[in-house]
Amino acid sequence: MPTDPDYSVAVESHAELRRGLDVGLARTDGRLALLAHRHDETDKDMDDLAARVAALENARWPLPAVAALCSVAALAVTVWQGIGH
């Protein structure tokens, strides 16, 4: 091993840079893991919302069916009144 003082300073500086890089990478990994978790939760929420919207769309009556039912009821009332009741 060389006894040059510049060499020992360079080694210490290199070790400090490596520690700083390791800490930065650990923080970045943590943030990416948090973002991935939030993305998964958002996907789950969107799937739940899509299922709820589909259930609401299937449960409602279409407007033409309601209009046809009302017209048939009006025709029945008109015929009933025309007969004399």
PDB file of N, CA and C in Angstrom:
ATOM      1  N   MET A   1       0.834  -1.178   0.000  1.00  0.00           N
ATOM      2  CA  MET A   1       0.000   0.000   0.000  1.00  0.00           C
ATOM      3  C   MET A   1       0.877   1.240   0.000  1.00  0.00           C
ATOM      4  N   PRO A   2       0.574   2.173  -0.860  1.00  0.00           N
ATOM      5  CA  PRO A   2       1.375   3.391  -0.880  1.00  0.00           C
ATOM      6  C   PRO A   2       1.119   4.225   0.372  1.00  0.00           C
ATOM      7  N   THR A   3       2.149   4.942   0.793  1.00  0.00           N
ATOM      8  CA  THR A   3       2.024   5.787   1.982  1.00  0.00           C
ATOM      9  C   THR A   3       1.797   7.240   1.616  1.00  0.00           C
ATOM     10  N   ASP A   4       1.444   7.509   0.377  1.00  0.00           N
ATOM     11  CA  ASP A   4       1.209   8.865  -0.093  1.00  0.00           C
ATOM     12  C   ASP A   4      -0.027   9.440   0.598  1.00  0.00           C
ATOM     13  N   PRO A   5       0.054  10.642   1.211  1.00  0.00           N
ATOM     14  CA  PRO A   5      -1.116  11.212   1.899  1.00  0.00           C
ATOM     15  C   PRO A   5      -2.264  11.525   0.941  1.00  0.00           C
ATOM     16  N   ASP A   6      -1.937  11.858  -0.308  1.00  0.00           N
ATOM     17  CA  ASP A   6      -3.008  12.121  -1.279  1.00  0.00           C
ATOM     18  C   ASP A   6      -3.797  10.859  -1.572  1.00  0.00           C
ATOM     19  N   TYR A   7      -3.118   9.717  -1.532  1.00  0.00           N
ATOM     20  CA  TYR A   7      -3.788   8.442  -1.786  1.00  0.00           C
ATOM     21  C   TYR A   7      -4.782   8.132  -0.678  1.00  0.00           C
ATOM     22  N   SER A   8      -4.430   8.347   0.565  1.00  0.00           N
ATOM     23  CA  SER A   8      -5.358   8.067   1.668  1.00  0.00           C
ATOM     24  C   SER A   8      -6.548   9.023   1.643  1.00  0.00           C
ATOM     25  N   VAL A   9      -6.306  10.275   1.262  1.00  0.00           N
ATOM     26  CA  VAL A   9      -7.405  11.240   1.158  1.00  0.00           C
ATOM     27  C   VAL A   9      -8.347  10.827   0.028  1.00  0.00           C
ATOM     28  N   ALA A  10      -7.759  10.350  -1.079  1.00  0.00           N
ATOM     29  CA  ALA A  10      -8.583   9.913  -2.204  1.00  0.00           C
ATOM     30  C   ALA A  10      -9.420   8.689  -1.824  1.00  0.00           C
ATOM     31  N   VAL A  11      -8.836   7.766  -1.061  1.00  0.00           N
ATOM     32  CA  VAL A  11      -9.565   6.568  -0.631  1.00  0.00           C
ATOM     33  C   VAL A  11     -10.705   6.957   0.308  1.00  0.00           C
ATOM     34  N   GLU A  12     -10.433   7.852   1.249  1.00  0.00           N
ATOM     35  CA  GLU A  12     -11.485   8.297   2.172  1.00  0.00           C
ATOM     36  C   GLU A  12     -12.587   9.045   1.412  1.00  0.00           C
ATOM     37  N   SER A  13     -12.192   9.859   0.468  1.00  0.00           N
ATOM     38  CA  SER A  13     -13.167  10.592  -0.337  1.00  0.00           C
ATOM     39  C   SER A  13     -14.011   9.637  -1.172  1.00  0.00           C
ATOM     40  N   HIS A  14     -13.352   8.635  -1.714  1.00  0.00           N
ATOM     41  CA  HIS A  14     -14.066   7.626  -2.495  1.00  0.00           C
ATOM     42  C   HIS A  14     -15.065   6.867  -1.613  1.00  0.00           C
ATOM     43  N   ALA A  15     -14.670   6.498  -0.409  1.00  0.00           N
ATOM     44  CA  ALA A  15     -15.561   5.784   0.508  1.00  0.00           C
ATOM     45  C   ALA A  15     -16.743   6.662   0.906  1.00  0.00           C
ATOM     46  N   GLU A  16     -16.478   7.958   1.129  1.00  0.00           N
ATOM     47  CA  GLU A  16     -17.566   8.868   1.489  1.00  0.00           C
ATOM     48  C   GLU A  16     -18.544   9.041   0.331  1.00  0.00           C
ATOM     49  N   LEU A  17     -18.022   9.150  -0.875  1.00  0.00           N
ATOM     50  CA  LEU A  17     -18.898   9.250  -2.046  1.00  0.00           C
ATOM     51  C   LEU A  17     -19.729   7.985  -2.221  1.00  0.00           C
ATOM     52  N   ARG A  18     -19.113   6.837  -1.963  1.00  0.00           N
ATOM     53  CA  ARG A  18     -19.839   5.578  -2.091  1.00  0.00           C
ATOM     54  C   ARG A  18     -20.965   5.477  -1.069  1.00  0.00           C
ATOM     55  N   ARG A  19     -20.681   5.882   0.179  1.00  0.00           N
ATOM     56  CA  ARG A  19     -21.734   5.880   1.211  1.00  0.00           C
ATOM     57  C   ARG A  19     -22.863   6.821   0.823  1.00  0.00           C
ATOM     58  N   GLY A  20     -22.507   7.999   0.327  1.00  0.00           N
ATOM     59  CA  GLY A  20     -23.542   8.952  -0.107  1.00  0.00           C
ATOM     60  C   GLY A  20     -24.372   8.399  -1.245  1.00  0.00           C
ATOM     61  N   LEU A  21     -23.726   7.713  -2.175  1.00  0.00           N
ATOM     62  CA  LEU A  21     -24.453   7.099  -3.283  1.00  0.00           C
ATOM     63  C   LEU A  21     -25.366   5.983  -2.788  1.00  0.00           C
ATOM     64  N   ASP A  22     -24.886   5.175  -1.843  1.00  0.00           N
ATOM     65  CA  ASP A  22     -25.714   4.096  -1.292  1.00  0.00           C
ATOM     66  C   ASP A  22     -26.943   4.652  -0.574  1.00  0.00           C
ATOM     67  N   VAL A  23     -26.749   5.724   0.190  1.00  0.00           N
ATOM     68  CA  VAL A  23     -27.884   6.343   0.898  1.00  0.00           C
ATOM     69  C   VAL A  23     -28.875   6.911  -0.115  1.00  0.00           C
ATOM     70  N   GLY A  24     -28.373   7.575  -1.132  1.00  0.00           N
ATOM     71  CA  GLY A  24     -29.262   8.133  -2.151  1.00  0.00           C
ATOM     72  C   GLY A  24     -30.037   7.069  -2.891  1.00  0.00           C
ATOM     73  N   LEU A  25     -29.371   5.962  -3.212  1.00  0.00           N
ATOM     74  CA  LEU A  25     -30.064   4.861  -3.890  1.00  0.00           C
ATOM     75  C   LEU A  25     -31.116   4.229  -2.986  1.00  0.00           C
ATOM     76  N   ALA A  26     -30.818   4.112  -1.695  1.00  0.00           N
ATOM     77  CA  ALA A  26     -31.796   3.550  -0.759  1.00  0.00           C
ATOM     78  C   ALA A  26     -33.028   4.450  -0.681  1.00  0.00           C
ATOM     79  N   ARG A  27     -32.812   5.759  -0.645  1.00  0.00           N
ATOM     80  CA  ARG A  27     -33.945   6.695  -0.606  1.00  0.00           C
ATOM     81  C   ARG A  27     -34.766   6.598  -1.887  1.00  0.00           C
ATOM     82  N   THR A  28     -34.064   6.523  -3.013  1.00  0.00           N
ATOM     83  CA  THR A  28     -34.761   6.419  -4.295  1.00  0.00           C
ATOM     84  C   THR A  28     -35.561   5.128  -4.370  1.00  0.00           C
ATOM     85  N   ASP A  29     -34.987   4.028  -3.899  1.00  0.00           N
ATOM     86  CA  ASP A  29     -35.710   2.756  -3.883  1.00  0.00           C
ATOM     87  C   ASP A  29     -36.950   2.834  -3.004  1.00  0.00           C
ATOM     88  N   GLY A  30     -36.823   3.489  -1.864  1.00  0.00           N
ATOM     89  CA  GLY A  30     -37.976   3.654  -0.970  1.00  0.00           C
ATOM     90  C   GLY A  30     -39.073   4.475  -1.610  1.00  0.00           C
ATOM     91  N   ARG A  31     -38.681   5.542  -2.276  1.00  0.00           N
ATOM     92  CA  ARG A  31     -39.686   6.386  -2.936  1.00  0.00           C
ATOM     93  C   ARG A  31     -40.359   5.646  -4.089  1.00  0.00           C
ATOM     94  N   LEU A  32     -39.567   4.886  -4.838  1.00  0.00           N
ATOM     95  CA  LEU A  32     -40.161   4.107  -5.930  1.00  0.00           C
ATOM     96  C   LEU A  32     -41.114   3.044  -5.398  1.00  0.00           C
ATOM     97  N   ALA A  33     -40.753   2.416  -4.287  1.00  0.00           N
ATOM     98  CA  ALA A  33     -41.648   1.417  -3.687  1.00  0.00           C
ATOM     99  C   ALA A  33     -42.953   2.076  -3.238  1.00  0.00           C
ATOM    100  N   LEU A  34     -42.853   3.274  -2.658  1.00  0.00           N
ATOM    101  CA  LEU A  34     -44.061   3.996  -2.234  1.00  0.00           C
ATOM    102  C   LEU A  34     -44.930   4.352  -3.434  1.00  0.00           C
ATOM    103  N   LEU A  35     -44.302   4.825  -4.513  1.00  0.00           N
ATOM    104  CA  LEU A  35     -45.068   5.152  -5.722  1.00  0.00           C
ATOM    105  C   LEU A  35     -45.726   3.915  -6.319  1.00  0.00           C
ATOM    106  N   ALA A  36     -45.026   2.786  -6.317  1.00  0.00           N
ATOM    107  CA  ALA A  36     -45.606   1.546  -6.841  1.00  0.00           C
ATOM    108  C   ALA A  36     -46.806   1.126  -5.995  1.00  0.00           C
ATOM    109  N   HIS A  37     -46.696   1.271  -4.672  1.00  0.00           N
ATOM    110  CA  HIS A  37     -47.811   0.915  -3.781  1.00  0.00           C
ATOM    111  C   HIS A  37     -49.011   1.821  -4.034  1.00  0.00           C
ATOM    112  N   ARG A  38     -48.742   3.112  -4.166  1.00  0.00           N
ATOM    113  CA  ARG A  38     -49.844   4.043  -4.447  1.00  0.00           C
ATOM    114  C   ARG A  38     -50.482   3.755  -5.804  1.00  0.00           C
ATOM    115  N   HIS A  39     -49.676   3.369  -6.781  1.00  0.00           N
ATOM    116  CA  HIS A  39     -50.204   3.035  -8.103  1.00  0.00           C
ATOM    117  C   HIS A  39     -51.118   1.820  -8.015  1.00  0.00           C
ATOM    118  N   ASP A  40     -50.701   0.814  -7.243  1.00  0.00           N
ATOM    119  CA  ASP A  40     -51.540  -0.381  -7.078  1.00  0.00           C
ATOM    120  C   ASP A  40     -52.854  -0.037  -6.391  1.00  0.00           C
ATOM    121  N   GLU A  41     -52.792   0.825  -5.371  1.00  0.00           N
ATOM    122  CA  GLU A  41     -54.025   1.237  -4.690  1.00  0.00           C
ATOM    123  C   GLU A  41     -54.944   2.016  -5.633  1.00  0.00           C
ATOM    124  N   THR A  42     -54.368   2.868  -6.455  1.00  0.00           N
ATOM    125  CA  THR A  42     -55.161   3.645  -7.401  1.00  0.00           C
ATOM    126  C   THR A  42     -55.817   2.729  -8.428  1.00  0.00           C
ATOM    127  N   ASP A  43     -55.074   1.730  -8.907  1.00  0.00           N
ATOM    128  CA  ASP A  43     -55.656   0.769  -9.847  1.00  0.00           C
ATOM    129  C   ASP A  43     -56.823   0.023  -9.209  1.00  0.00           C
ATOM    130  N   LYS A  44     -56.662  -0.376  -7.944  1.00  0.00           N
ATOM    131  CA  LYS A  44     -57.738  -1.084  -7.239  1.00  0.00           C
ATOM    132  C   LYS A  44     -58.955  -0.170  -7.084  1.00  0.00           C
ATOM    133  N   ASP A  45     -58.722   1.089  -6.708  1.00  0.00           N
ATOM    134  CA  ASP A  45     -59.834   2.034  -6.566  1.00  0.00           C
ATOM    135  C   ASP A  45     -60.546   2.264  -7.895  1.00  0.00           C
ATOM    136  N   MET A  46     -59.785   2.357  -8.963  1.00  0.00           N
ATOM    137  CA  MET A  46     -60.402   2.558 -10.285  1.00  0.00           C
ATOM    138  C   MET A  46     -61.215   1.330 -10.703  1.00  0.00           C
ATOM    139  N   ASP A  47     -60.724   0.136 -10.417  1.00  0.00           N
ATOM    140  CA  ASP A  47     -61.483  -1.072 -10.739  1.00  0.00           C
ATOM    141  C   ASP A  47     -62.779  -1.132  -9.935  1.00  0.00           C
ATOM    142  N   ASP A  48     -62.708  -0.769  -8.645  1.00  0.00           N
ATOM    143  CA  ASP A  48     -63.913  -0.746  -7.812  1.00  0.00           C
ATOM    144  C   ASP A  48     -64.920   0.279  -8.341  1.00  0.00           C
ATOM    145  N   LEU A  49     -64.422   1.450  -8.721  1.00  0.00           N
ATOM    146  CA  LEU A  49     -65.304   2.487  -9.244  1.00  0.00           C
ATOM    147  C   LEU A  49     -65.946   2.059 -10.563  1.00  0.00           C
ATOM    148  N   ALA A  50     -65.167   1.418 -11.424  1.00  0.00           N
ATOM    149  CA  ALA A  50     -65.721   0.940 -12.693  1.00  0.00           C
ATOM    150  C   ALA A  50     -66.806  -0.107 -12.454  1.00  0.00           C
ATOM    151  N   ALA A  51     -66.603  -0.975 -11.465  1.00  0.00           N
ATOM    152  CA  ALA A  51     -67.619  -1.980 -11.140  1.00  0.00           C
ATOM    153  C   ALA A  51     -68.888  -1.310 -10.610  1.00  0.00           C
ATOM    154  N   ARG A  52     -68.730  -0.276  -9.776  1.00  0.00           N
ATOM    155  CA  ARG A  52     -69.901   0.426  -9.242  1.00  0.00           C
ATOM    156  C   ARG A  52     -70.673   1.135 -10.348  1.00  0.00           C
ATOM    157  N   VAL A  53     -69.961   1.775 -11.288  1.00  0.00           N
ATOM    158  CA  VAL A  53     -70.614   2.473 -12.397  1.00  0.00           C
ATOM    159  C   VAL A  53     -71.349   1.474 -13.281  1.00  0.00           C
ATOM    160  N   ALA A  54     -70.724   0.334 -13.545  1.00  0.00           N
ATOM    161  CA  ALA A  54     -71.375  -0.688 -14.369  1.00  0.00           C
ATOM    162  C   ALA A  54     -72.643  -1.205 -13.679  1.00  0.00           C
ATOM    163  N   ALA A  55     -72.590  -1.389 -12.363  1.00  0.00           N
ATOM    164  CA  ALA A  55     -73.777  -1.846 -11.632  1.00  0.00           C
ATOM    165  C   ALA A  55     -74.886  -0.798 -11.699  1.00  0.00           C
ATOM    166  N   LEU A  56     -74.530   0.478 -11.581  1.00  0.00           N
ATOM    167  CA  LEU A  56     -75.537   1.533 -11.680  1.00  0.00           C
ATOM    168  C   LEU A  56     -76.127   1.608 -13.077  1.00  0.00           C
ATOM    169  N   GLU A  57     -75.298   1.434 -14.094  1.00  0.00           N
ATOM    170  CA  GLU A  57     -75.806   1.479 -15.467  1.00  0.00           C
ATOM    171  C   GLU A  57     -76.749   0.321 -15.739  1.00  0.00           C
ATOM    172  N   ASN A  58     -76.457  -0.844 -15.190  1.00  0.00           N
ATOM    173  CA  ASN A  58     -77.322  -2.004 -15.407  1.00  0.00           C
ATOM    174  C   ASN A  58     -78.614  -1.914 -14.607  1.00  0.00           C
ATOM    175  N   ALA A  59     -78.615  -1.183 -13.497  1.00  0.00           N
ATOM    176  CA  ALA A  59     -79.799  -1.114 -12.641  1.00  0.00           C
ATOM    177  C   ALA A  59     -80.797  -0.053 -13.101  1.00  0.00           C
ATOM    178  N   ARG A  60     -80.405   0.869 -13.925  1.00  0.00           N
ATOM    179  CA  ARG A  60     -81.338   1.936 -14.317  1.00  0.00           C
ATOM    180  C   ARG A  60     -82.193   1.495 -15.510  1.00  0.00           C
ATOM    181  N   TRP A  61     -83.343   2.121 -15.616  1.00  0.00           N
ATOM    182  CA  TRP A  61     -84.233   1.835 -16.736  1.00  0.00           C
ATOM    183  C   TRP A  61     -83.835   2.717 -17.911  1.00  0.00           C
ATOM    184  N   PRO A  62     -83.810   2.160 -19.098  1.00  0.00           N
ATOM    185  CA  PRO A  62     -83.522   3.008 -20.260  1.00  0.00           C
ATOM    186  C   PRO A  62     -84.716   3.917 -20.557  1.00  0.00           C
ATOM    187  N   LEU A  63     -84.438   5.101 -21.001  1.00  0.00           N
ATOM    188  CA  LEU A  63     -85.473   6.101 -21.245  1.00  0.00           C
ATOM    189  C   LEU A  63     -86.516   5.660 -22.267  1.00  0.00           C
ATOM    190  N   PRO A  64     -86.174   5.003 -23.372  1.00  0.00           N
ATOM    191  CA  PRO A  64     -87.222   4.555 -24.307  1.00  0.00           C
ATOM    192  C   PRO A  64     -88.197   3.557 -23.668  1.00  0.00           C
ATOM    193  N   ALA A  65     -87.710   2.716 -22.777  1.00  0.00           N
ATOM    194  CA  ALA A  65     -88.611   1.759 -22.123  1.00  0.00           C
ATOM    195  C   ALA A  65     -89.594   2.486 -21.209  1.00  0.00           C
ATOM    196  N   VAL A  66     -89.120   3.497 -20.494  1.00  0.00           N
ATOM    197  CA  VAL A  66     -90.002   4.279 -19.625  1.00  0.00           C
ATOM    198  C   VAL A  66     -91.034   5.024 -20.478  1.00  0.00           C
ATOM    199  N   ALA A  67     -90.615   5.601 -21.592  1.00  0.00           N
ATOM    200  CA  ALA A  67     -91.540   6.316 -22.472  1.00  0.00           C
ATOM    201  C   ALA A  67     -92.589   5.373 -23.047  1.00  0.00           C
ATOM    202  N   ALA A  68     -92.212   4.179 -23.451  1.00  0.00           N
ATOM    203  CA  ALA A  68     -93.162   3.202 -23.993  1.00  0.00           C
ATOM    204  C   ALA A  68     -94.156   2.765 -22.921  1.00  0.00           C
ATOM    205  N   LEU A  69     -93.673   2.565 -21.703  1.00  0.00           N
ATOM    206  CA  LEU A  69     -94.559   2.161 -20.606  1.00  0.00           C
ATOM    207  C   LEU A  69     -95.575   3.261 -20.303  1.00  0.00           C
ATOM    208  N   CYS A  70     -95.136   4.509 -20.292  1.00  0.00           N
ATOM    209  CA  CYS A  70     -96.056   5.631 -20.041  1.00  0.00           C
ATOM    210  C   CYS A  70     -97.090   5.772 -21.161  1.00  0.00           C
ATOM    211  N   SER A  71     -96.659   5.568 -22.389  1.00  0.00           N
ATOM    212  CA  SER A  71     -97.619   5.698 -23.501  1.00  0.00           C
ATOM    213  C   SER A  71     -98.635   4.570 -23.475  1.00  0.00           C
ATOM    214  N   VAL A  72     -98.222   3.375 -23.122  1.00  0.00           N
ATOM    215  CA  VAL A  72     -99.174   2.263 -23.018  1.00  0.00           C
ATOM    216  C   VAL A  72    -100.148   2.520 -21.881  1.00  0.00           C
ATOM    217  N   ALA A  73     -99.661   3.059 -20.766  1.00  0.00           N
ATOM    218  CA  ALA A  73    -100.559   3.376 -19.648  1.00  0.00           C
ATOM    219  C   ALA A  73    -101.546   4.472 -20.044  1.00  0.00           C
ATOM    220  N   ALA A  74    -101.077   5.486 -20.770  1.00  0.00           N
ATOM    221  CA  ALA A  74    -101.979   6.557 -21.216  1.00  0.00           C
ATOM    222  C   ALA A  74    -103.018   6.027 -22.186  1.00  0.00           C
ATOM    223  N   LEU A  75    -102.617   5.115 -23.091  1.00  0.00           N
ATOM    224  CA  LEU A  75    -103.557   4.510 -24.022  1.00  0.00           C
ATOM    225  C   LEU A  75    -104.601   3.682 -23.276  1.00  0.00           C
ATOM    226  N   ALA A  76    -104.159   2.958 -22.260  1.00  0.00           N
ATOM    227  CA  ALA A  76    -105.100   2.139 -21.482  1.00  0.00           C
ATOM    228  C   ALA A  76    -106.104   3.018 -20.740  1.00  0.00           C
ATOM    229  N   VAL A  77    -105.649   4.129 -20.178  1.00  0.00           N
ATOM    230  CA  VAL A  77    -106.552   5.041 -19.477  1.00  0.00           C
ATOM    231  C   VAL A  77    -107.526   5.681 -20.471  1.00  0.00           C
ATOM    232  N   THR A  78    -107.065   6.040 -21.644  1.00  0.00           N
ATOM    233  CA  THR A  78    -107.915   6.644 -22.668  1.00  0.00           C
ATOM    234  C   THR A  78    -108.988   5.663 -23.126  1.00  0.00           C
ATOM    235  N   VAL A  79    -108.603   4.410 -23.381  1.00  0.00           N
ATOM    236  CA  VAL A  79    -109.567   3.383 -23.784  1.00  0.00           C
ATOM    237  C   VAL A  79    -110.563   3.154 -22.642  1.00  0.00           C
ATOM    238  N   TRP A  80    -110.120   3.100 -21.437  1.00  0.00           N
ATOM    239  CA  TRP A  80    -110.998   2.852 -20.285  1.00  0.00           C
ATOM    240  C   TRP A  80    -112.000   3.977 -20.144  1.00  0.00           C
ATOM    241  N   GLN A  81    -111.544   5.223 -20.320  1.00  0.00           N
ATOM    242  CA  GLN A  81    -112.467   6.357 -20.235  1.00  0.00           C
ATOM    243  C   GLN A  81    -113.402   6.412 -21.438  1.00  0.00           C
ATOM    244  N   GLY A  82    -112.899   5.973 -22.610  1.00  0.00           N
ATOM    245  CA  GLY A  82    -113.740   5.974 -23.802  1.00  0.00           C
ATOM    246  C   GLY A  82    -114.854   4.952 -23.716  1.00  0.00           C
ATOM    247  N   ILE A  83    -114.641   3.883 -23.022  1.00  0.00           N
ATOM    248  CA  ILE A  83    -115.660   2.861 -22.863  1.00  0.00           C
ATOM    249  C   ILE A  83    -116.778   3.390 -21.950  1.00  0.00           C
ATOM    250  N   GLY A  84    -116.469   4.322 -21.101  1.00  0.00           N
ATOM    251  CA  GLY A  84    -117.524   4.913 -20.288  1.00  0.00           C
ATOM    252  C   GLY A  84    -117.345   4.748 -18.809  1.00  0.00           C
ATOM    253  N   HIS A  85    -116.215   4.427 -18.370  1.00  0.00           N
ATOM    254  CA  HIS A  85    -116.023   4.290 -16.925  1.00  0.00           C
ATOM    255  C   HIS A  85    -115.536   5.536 -16.327  1.00  0.00           C
TER     256      HIS A  85
END
